Protein backbone atom coordinates (compact mmCIF):
# COMPACT_ATOMS: atom_id res chain seq x y z
CA UNK A 1 -22.84 -28.55 -5.19
CA UNK A 2 -23.55 -27.08 -8.82
CA UNK A 3 -20.97 -24.79 -10.02
CA UNK A 4 -22.62 -21.39 -10.26
CA UNK A 5 -21.35 -18.66 -12.59
CA UNK A 6 -19.75 -15.73 -10.68
CA UNK A 7 -21.76 -12.80 -10.57
CA UNK A 8 -21.35 -9.69 -13.09
CA UNK A 9 -20.33 -6.67 -11.90
CA UNK A 10 -23.52 -5.09 -12.85
CA UNK A 11 -25.25 -7.84 -10.72
CA UNK A 12 -22.88 -7.14 -7.58
CA UNK A 13 -23.48 -3.24 -8.14
CA UNK A 14 -27.36 -3.89 -7.48
CA UNK A 15 -26.88 -6.11 -4.07
CA UNK A 16 -28.10 -3.78 -1.41
CA UNK A 17 -25.41 -4.79 0.69
CA UNK A 18 -22.84 -3.78 -1.93
CA UNK A 19 -24.69 -0.35 -2.20
CA UNK A 20 -24.53 0.16 1.76
CA UNK A 21 -21.06 -0.67 2.00
CA UNK A 22 -20.21 1.73 -1.22
CA UNK A 23 -22.50 4.76 0.43
CA UNK A 24 -20.78 4.07 3.70
CA UNK A 25 -17.53 4.52 2.45
CA UNK A 26 -18.45 7.04 -0.26
CA UNK A 27 -18.45 5.58 -3.25
CA UNK A 28 -21.01 5.41 -6.03
CA UNK A 29 -21.86 2.44 -8.54
CA UNK A 30 -20.47 4.70 -11.34
CA UNK A 31 -17.35 5.07 -9.45
CA UNK A 32 -16.68 1.21 -9.24
CA UNK A 33 -17.74 1.25 -13.30
CA UNK A 34 -14.70 3.91 -13.89
CA UNK A 35 -12.55 2.11 -12.12
CA UNK A 36 -13.17 -1.11 -13.88
CA UNK A 37 -13.02 0.72 -17.08
CA UNK A 38 -9.57 2.14 -16.14
CA UNK A 39 -8.02 -1.17 -15.17
CA UNK A 40 -9.43 -2.73 -18.16
CA UNK A 41 -7.89 -0.16 -20.30
CA UNK A 42 -4.44 -0.09 -18.59
CA UNK A 43 -4.39 -3.91 -18.84
CA UNK A 44 -5.51 -3.88 -22.60
CA UNK A 45 -2.69 -1.03 -23.20
CA UNK A 46 0.03 -3.19 -21.13
CA UNK A 47 -0.84 -6.05 -23.54
CA UNK A 48 -0.58 -4.65 -26.58
CA UNK A 49 2.76 -3.07 -25.54
CA UNK A 50 4.49 -6.30 -24.36
CA UNK A 51 2.26 -9.17 -25.60
CA UNK A 52 1.81 -10.68 -22.32
CA UNK A 53 -0.82 -10.27 -19.51
CA UNK A 54 -0.29 -7.53 -16.93
CA UNK A 55 1.82 -8.75 -14.15
CA UNK A 56 -0.20 -8.47 -10.85
CA UNK A 57 1.33 -8.10 -7.65
CA UNK A 58 -0.22 -9.95 -4.64
CA UNK A 59 -2.80 -7.36 -2.92
CA UNK A 60 -1.78 -6.32 0.34
CA UNK A 61 -4.09 -5.10 2.68
CA UNK A 62 -5.03 -1.44 2.87
CA UNK A 63 -5.74 -1.28 6.42
CA UNK A 64 -4.14 -2.85 9.29
CA UNK A 65 -6.95 -3.75 11.70
CA UNK A 66 -10.47 -4.42 11.55
CA UNK A 67 -11.56 -0.71 11.60
CA UNK A 68 -8.77 1.10 10.63
CA UNK A 69 -9.81 1.85 7.37
CA UNK A 70 -12.86 4.29 8.94
């Protein structure tokens, strides 16, 4: 199987299924763009202050069941 490049954020934000899920959850593409900019800015600030990459903790599930997030 050929190695495919990962999609960009903009490509993902144009996918119909992604748009439907965001709409269902009350988010817009601009909300996600803002979040991405904030994360990038914080990561860059951390790197500038510490000289090393930001330590990310392992992600924990936000919900405790298939439909608990609704």
